[in-house]
Amino acid sequence: MKYKKVELLKEAIKHKGFIQKVPVIWRMVKLWRKGEYKTSAIDIVLPLLGLLYVISPIDLIPEIAVPFIGSLDDLAVLAVIIPKLMKEVDKFLLWEAMQKEGITTIDVEEVK
């Protein structure tokens, strides 16, 4: 089974409406860079670096040298970053909705 980066990327963007969330990701990054959206740099930068790694022609394990194994590193990166990025997007959308409503803090009850 041979995977190419383009095929891997197509599979990744199907993840729970990833394509529809691209504008939200862009907005989230812009507001984070402005300092309006507060979150750790790792939660934003790491998934974006992962996407760049998958898109880039440079690989730790090249597909040409080891065809199947070469695709596994891309799959591993996607398996980690896509869910992490989507979780951060969901947190951002919640934050954004709260900002529109003028809510600055919320009370959270501990669920036992």
N, C-alpha and C. Protein backbone atom coordinates (compact mmCIF):
# COMPACT_ATOMS: atom_id res chain seq x y z
N MET A 1 0.85 -1.18 0.00
CA MET A 1 0.00 0.00 0.00
C MET A 1 0.90 1.24 0.00
N LYS A 2 0.82 2.01 -1.05
CA LYS A 2 1.68 3.18 -1.17
C LYS A 2 0.83 4.44 -1.03
N TYR A 3 1.25 5.30 -0.12
CA TYR A 3 0.55 6.57 0.08
C TYR A 3 1.45 7.69 -0.40
N LYS A 4 0.84 8.67 -0.99
CA LYS A 4 1.57 9.88 -1.36
C LYS A 4 1.09 10.98 -0.44
N LYS A 5 1.93 12.00 -0.29
CA LYS A 5 1.58 13.10 0.61
C LYS A 5 0.24 13.72 0.25
N VAL A 6 -0.04 13.85 -1.02
CA VAL A 6 -1.30 14.47 -1.44
C VAL A 6 -2.48 13.64 -0.96
N GLU A 7 -2.37 12.32 -1.07
CA GLU A 7 -3.46 11.44 -0.61
C GLU A 7 -3.63 11.52 0.90
N LEU A 8 -2.50 11.56 1.62
CA LEU A 8 -2.56 11.68 3.08
C LEU A 8 -3.22 12.99 3.48
N LEU A 9 -2.86 14.06 2.79
CA LEU A 9 -3.43 15.36 3.11
C LEU A 9 -4.92 15.39 2.81
N LYS A 10 -5.34 14.77 1.71
CA LYS A 10 -6.77 14.70 1.39
C LYS A 10 -7.54 13.98 2.49
N GLU A 11 -6.97 12.88 2.99
CA GLU A 11 -7.62 12.14 4.08
C GLU A 11 -7.69 12.99 5.34
N ALA A 12 -6.64 13.73 5.61
CA ALA A 12 -6.59 14.54 6.83
C ALA A 12 -7.63 15.65 6.80
N ILE A 13 -7.80 16.28 5.65
CA ILE A 13 -8.72 17.42 5.61
C ILE A 13 -10.18 16.98 5.66
N LYS A 14 -10.44 15.70 5.50
CA LYS A 14 -11.80 15.19 5.65
C LYS A 14 -12.19 15.09 7.12
N HIS A 15 -11.23 15.20 8.01
CA HIS A 15 -11.45 15.00 9.45
C HIS A 15 -12.43 16.03 10.00
N LYS A 16 -13.64 15.61 10.28
CA LYS A 16 -14.66 16.42 10.95
C LYS A 16 -14.76 17.85 10.41
N GLY A 17 -14.83 17.98 9.11
CA GLY A 17 -15.03 19.29 8.52
C GLY A 17 -13.81 20.20 8.59
N PHE A 18 -12.63 19.61 8.50
CA PHE A 18 -11.40 20.40 8.58
C PHE A 18 -11.39 21.55 7.58
N ILE A 19 -11.79 21.27 6.35
CA ILE A 19 -11.78 22.30 5.30
C ILE A 19 -12.66 23.48 5.67
N GLN A 20 -13.83 23.21 6.26
CA GLN A 20 -14.72 24.30 6.65
C GLN A 20 -14.13 25.12 7.79
N LYS A 21 -13.22 24.52 8.55
CA LYS A 21 -12.65 25.23 9.70
C LYS A 21 -11.38 26.01 9.36
N VAL A 22 -10.91 25.92 8.13
CA VAL A 22 -9.68 26.64 7.75
C VAL A 22 -9.82 28.15 8.00
N PRO A 23 -10.94 28.80 7.61
CA PRO A 23 -11.06 30.23 7.92
C PRO A 23 -11.04 30.50 9.43
N VAL A 24 -11.60 29.59 10.21
CA VAL A 24 -11.60 29.75 11.67
C VAL A 24 -10.17 29.62 12.20
N ILE A 25 -9.42 28.67 11.65
CA ILE A 25 -8.02 28.51 12.06
C ILE A 25 -7.24 29.78 11.76
N TRP A 26 -7.45 30.32 10.58
CA TRP A 26 -6.78 31.56 10.18
C TRP A 26 -7.13 32.70 11.14
N ARG A 27 -8.42 32.84 11.45
CA ARG A 27 -8.88 33.88 12.38
C ARG A 27 -8.28 33.67 13.77
N MET A 28 -8.24 32.42 14.21
CA MET A 28 -7.68 32.09 15.52
C MET A 28 -6.21 32.48 15.60
N VAL A 29 -5.45 32.15 14.58
CA VAL A 29 -4.02 32.49 14.56
C VAL A 29 -3.83 34.00 14.57
N LYS A 30 -4.63 34.71 13.78
CA LYS A 30 -4.50 36.18 13.74
C LYS A 30 -4.79 36.79 15.10
N LEU A 31 -5.86 36.37 15.76
CA LEU A 31 -6.21 36.93 17.06
C LEU A 31 -5.22 36.50 18.14
N TRP A 32 -4.66 35.32 18.01
CA TRP A 32 -3.63 34.87 18.95
C TRP A 32 -2.36 35.72 18.79
N ARG A 33 -1.98 35.98 17.55
CA ARG A 33 -0.79 36.81 17.31
C ARG A 33 -0.98 38.24 17.81
N LYS A 34 -2.20 38.75 17.71
CA LYS A 34 -2.50 40.10 18.22
C LYS A 34 -2.53 40.14 19.74
N GLY A 35 -2.64 38.96 20.36
CA GLY A 35 -2.71 38.90 21.82
C GLY A 35 -4.12 38.93 22.36
N GLU A 36 -5.10 38.91 21.48
CA GLU A 36 -6.49 38.95 21.92
C GLU A 36 -6.96 37.57 22.40
N TYR A 37 -6.58 36.54 21.68
CA TYR A 37 -6.93 35.17 22.07
C TYR A 37 -5.75 34.59 22.84
N LYS A 38 -5.97 34.30 24.11
CA LYS A 38 -4.90 33.81 24.98
C LYS A 38 -4.92 32.29 25.05
N THR A 39 -3.85 31.70 24.62
CA THR A 39 -3.63 30.26 24.75
C THR A 39 -2.13 30.04 24.65
N SER A 40 -1.69 28.86 25.00
CA SER A 40 -0.25 28.61 24.95
C SER A 40 0.21 28.51 23.50
N ALA A 41 1.43 28.93 23.27
CA ALA A 41 2.00 28.90 21.92
C ALA A 41 2.04 27.48 21.38
N ILE A 42 2.27 26.52 22.24
CA ILE A 42 2.35 25.12 21.80
C ILE A 42 1.03 24.66 21.19
N ASP A 43 -0.09 25.12 21.74
CA ASP A 43 -1.40 24.70 21.24
C ASP A 43 -1.69 25.23 19.84
N ILE A 44 -1.00 26.28 19.44
CA ILE A 44 -1.21 26.86 18.11
C ILE A 44 -0.05 26.49 17.18
N VAL A 45 1.15 26.72 17.63
CA VAL A 45 2.32 26.57 16.78
C VAL A 45 2.61 25.11 16.42
N LEU A 46 2.51 24.22 17.40
CA LEU A 46 2.84 22.81 17.14
C LEU A 46 1.97 22.19 16.04
N PRO A 47 0.64 22.34 16.09
CA PRO A 47 -0.16 21.78 14.99
C PRO A 47 0.15 22.43 13.63
N LEU A 48 0.42 23.72 13.63
CA LEU A 48 0.73 24.39 12.36
C LEU A 48 2.07 23.90 11.81
N LEU A 49 3.05 23.71 12.68
CA LEU A 49 4.33 23.15 12.24
C LEU A 49 4.14 21.73 11.71
N GLY A 50 3.27 20.98 12.36
CA GLY A 50 2.97 19.62 11.89
C GLY A 50 2.37 19.62 10.50
N LEU A 51 1.44 20.54 10.25
CA LEU A 51 0.86 20.64 8.91
C LEU A 51 1.91 21.02 7.88
N LEU A 52 2.78 21.95 8.24
CA LEU A 52 3.86 22.32 7.33
C LEU A 52 4.78 21.14 7.04
N TYR A 53 5.06 20.34 8.06
CA TYR A 53 5.90 19.16 7.87
C TYR A 53 5.27 18.19 6.88
N VAL A 54 3.98 17.95 7.03
CA VAL A 54 3.30 17.00 6.15
C VAL A 54 3.26 17.53 4.72
N ILE A 55 3.07 18.82 4.55
CA ILE A 55 2.99 19.42 3.22
C ILE A 55 4.36 19.50 2.56
N SER A 56 5.40 19.74 3.35
CA SER A 56 6.74 19.98 2.80
C SER A 56 7.30 18.72 2.14
N PRO A 57 8.17 18.93 1.16
CA PRO A 57 8.80 17.78 0.50
C PRO A 57 9.91 17.14 1.34
N ILE A 58 10.31 17.79 2.42
CA ILE A 58 11.38 17.28 3.28
C ILE A 58 10.77 16.34 4.31
N ASP A 59 11.39 15.17 4.47
CA ASP A 59 10.89 14.15 5.40
C ASP A 59 12.03 13.62 6.25
N LEU A 60 11.70 13.21 7.47
CA LEU A 60 12.68 12.49 8.28
C LEU A 60 12.93 11.11 7.68
N ILE A 61 11.85 10.48 7.24
CA ILE A 61 11.95 9.17 6.59
C ILE A 61 11.38 9.35 5.17
N PRO A 62 12.24 9.50 4.17
CA PRO A 62 11.76 9.77 2.80
C PRO A 62 10.95 8.61 2.23
N GLU A 63 9.89 8.96 1.49
CA GLU A 63 9.05 7.95 0.84
C GLU A 63 9.83 7.19 -0.22
N ILE A 64 10.78 7.85 -0.85
CA ILE A 64 11.55 7.21 -1.92
C ILE A 64 12.45 6.11 -1.34
N ALA A 65 13.07 6.39 -0.21
CA ALA A 65 13.99 5.42 0.40
C ALA A 65 13.24 4.22 0.96
N VAL A 66 12.18 4.49 1.71
CA VAL A 66 11.41 3.42 2.34
C VAL A 66 9.93 3.74 2.11
N PRO A 67 9.34 3.28 0.99
CA PRO A 67 8.00 3.71 0.60
C PRO A 67 6.92 3.64 1.67
N PHE A 68 6.70 2.50 2.29
CA PHE A 68 5.61 2.39 3.26
C PHE A 68 5.96 3.11 4.56
N ILE A 69 7.15 2.88 5.07
CA ILE A 69 7.59 3.50 6.32
C ILE A 69 7.68 5.01 6.16
N GLY A 70 8.06 5.46 4.98
CA GLY A 70 8.17 6.90 4.72
C GLY A 70 6.84 7.62 4.87
N SER A 71 5.76 6.94 4.60
CA SER A 71 4.43 7.55 4.78
C SER A 71 3.96 7.49 6.22
N LEU A 72 4.49 6.55 6.97
CA LEU A 72 4.05 6.40 8.36
C LEU A 72 4.38 7.62 9.22
N ASP A 73 5.52 8.26 8.96
CA ASP A 73 5.84 9.44 9.76
C ASP A 73 4.82 10.55 9.51
N ASP A 74 4.39 10.69 8.25
CA ASP A 74 3.36 11.69 7.95
C ASP A 74 2.04 11.33 8.62
N LEU A 75 1.67 10.05 8.57
CA LEU A 75 0.44 9.61 9.22
C LEU A 75 0.49 9.84 10.73
N ALA A 76 1.64 9.57 11.32
CA ALA A 76 1.79 9.77 12.77
C ALA A 76 1.63 11.24 13.13
N VAL A 77 2.25 12.11 12.34
CA VAL A 77 2.13 13.55 12.59
C VAL A 77 0.68 13.99 12.45
N LEU A 78 0.01 13.54 11.39
CA LEU A 78 -1.40 13.90 11.20
C LEU A 78 -2.28 13.37 12.32
N ALA A 79 -2.00 12.17 12.78
CA ALA A 79 -2.81 11.57 13.84
C ALA A 79 -2.72 12.37 15.14
N VAL A 80 -1.61 13.04 15.34
CA VAL A 80 -1.43 13.84 16.55
C VAL A 80 -1.95 15.25 16.37
N ILE A 81 -1.64 15.88 15.24
CA ILE A 81 -1.92 17.32 15.12
C ILE A 81 -3.36 17.65 14.76
N ILE A 82 -4.00 16.85 13.93
CA ILE A 82 -5.37 17.19 13.51
C ILE A 82 -6.31 17.23 14.71
N PRO A 83 -6.36 16.19 15.55
CA PRO A 83 -7.24 16.28 16.73
C PRO A 83 -6.86 17.43 17.66
N LYS A 84 -5.55 17.67 17.84
CA LYS A 84 -5.11 18.76 18.71
C LYS A 84 -5.56 20.12 18.15
N LEU A 85 -5.41 20.29 16.84
CA LEU A 85 -5.82 21.54 16.21
C LEU A 85 -7.33 21.72 16.28
N MET A 86 -8.10 20.66 16.04
CA MET A 86 -9.55 20.75 16.10
C MET A 86 -10.03 21.05 17.52
N LYS A 87 -9.36 20.50 18.52
CA LYS A 87 -9.71 20.80 19.91
C LYS A 87 -9.47 22.28 20.21
N GLU A 88 -8.36 22.81 19.71
CA GLU A 88 -8.06 24.23 19.92
C GLU A 88 -9.05 25.11 19.17
N VAL A 89 -9.46 24.70 17.98
CA VAL A 89 -10.46 25.45 17.21
C VAL A 89 -11.78 25.48 17.97
N ASP A 90 -12.17 24.36 18.56
CA ASP A 90 -13.41 24.33 19.34
C ASP A 90 -13.33 25.27 20.54
N LYS A 91 -12.18 25.28 21.22
CA LYS A 91 -11.99 26.21 22.35
C LYS A 91 -12.05 27.66 21.87
N PHE A 92 -11.46 27.91 20.70
CA PHE A 92 -11.48 29.26 20.14
C PHE A 92 -12.90 29.69 19.80
N LEU A 93 -13.68 28.81 19.19
CA LEU A 93 -15.06 29.15 18.83
C LEU A 93 -15.89 29.45 20.07
N LEU A 94 -15.67 28.71 21.14
CA LEU A 94 -16.35 28.98 22.40
C LEU A 94 -15.94 30.35 22.93
N TRP A 95 -14.65 30.62 22.92
CA TRP A 95 -14.13 31.92 23.37
C TRP A 95 -14.72 33.05 22.53
N GLU A 96 -14.77 32.85 21.21
CA GLU A 96 -15.28 33.86 20.30
C GLU A 96 -16.76 34.14 20.58
N ALA A 97 -17.54 33.09 20.81
CA ALA A 97 -18.97 33.26 21.11
C ALA A 97 -19.15 34.02 22.42
N MET A 98 -18.31 33.71 23.40
CA MET A 98 -18.38 34.41 24.69
C MET A 98 -18.04 35.88 24.52
N GLN A 99 -17.08 36.19 23.66
CA GLN A 99 -16.71 37.58 23.42
C GLN A 99 -17.86 38.35 22.78
N LYS A 100 -18.55 37.72 21.85
CA LYS A 100 -19.69 38.37 21.19
C LYS A 100 -20.82 38.65 22.17
N GLU A 101 -20.98 37.77 23.15
CA GLU A 101 -22.03 37.95 24.16
C GLU A 101 -21.58 38.86 25.30
N GLY A 102 -20.32 39.24 25.29
CA GLY A 102 -19.82 40.10 26.36
C GLY A 102 -19.47 39.35 27.63
N ILE A 103 -19.37 38.05 27.55
CA ILE A 103 -19.02 37.23 28.71
C ILE A 103 -17.51 37.18 28.82
N THR A 104 -16.99 37.59 29.97
CA THR A 104 -15.54 37.56 30.14
C THR A 104 -15.09 36.39 30.99
N THR A 105 -15.94 35.93 31.89
CA THR A 105 -15.61 34.76 32.70
C THR A 105 -16.85 33.89 32.82
N ILE A 106 -16.63 32.64 33.08
CA ILE A 106 -17.76 31.74 33.31
C ILE A 106 -17.50 30.94 34.58
N ASP A 107 -18.58 30.57 35.25
CA ASP A 107 -18.48 29.72 36.42
C ASP A 107 -18.66 28.28 35.97
N VAL A 108 -17.76 27.45 36.40
CA VAL A 108 -17.83 26.04 36.03
C VAL A 108 -17.98 25.23 37.30
N GLU A 109 -19.03 24.41 37.32
CA GLU A 109 -19.23 23.53 38.46
C GLU A 109 -18.49 22.23 38.22
N GLU A 110 -17.88 21.73 39.27
CA GLU A 110 -17.17 20.47 39.14
C GLU A 110 -18.17 19.33 39.07
N VAL A 111 -18.00 18.48 38.08
CA VAL A 111 -18.88 17.32 37.90
C VAL A 111 -18.21 16.13 38.56
N LYS A 112 -19.00 15.45 39.43
CA LYS A 112 -18.43 14.28 40.12
C LYS A 112 -18.95 13.01 39.54
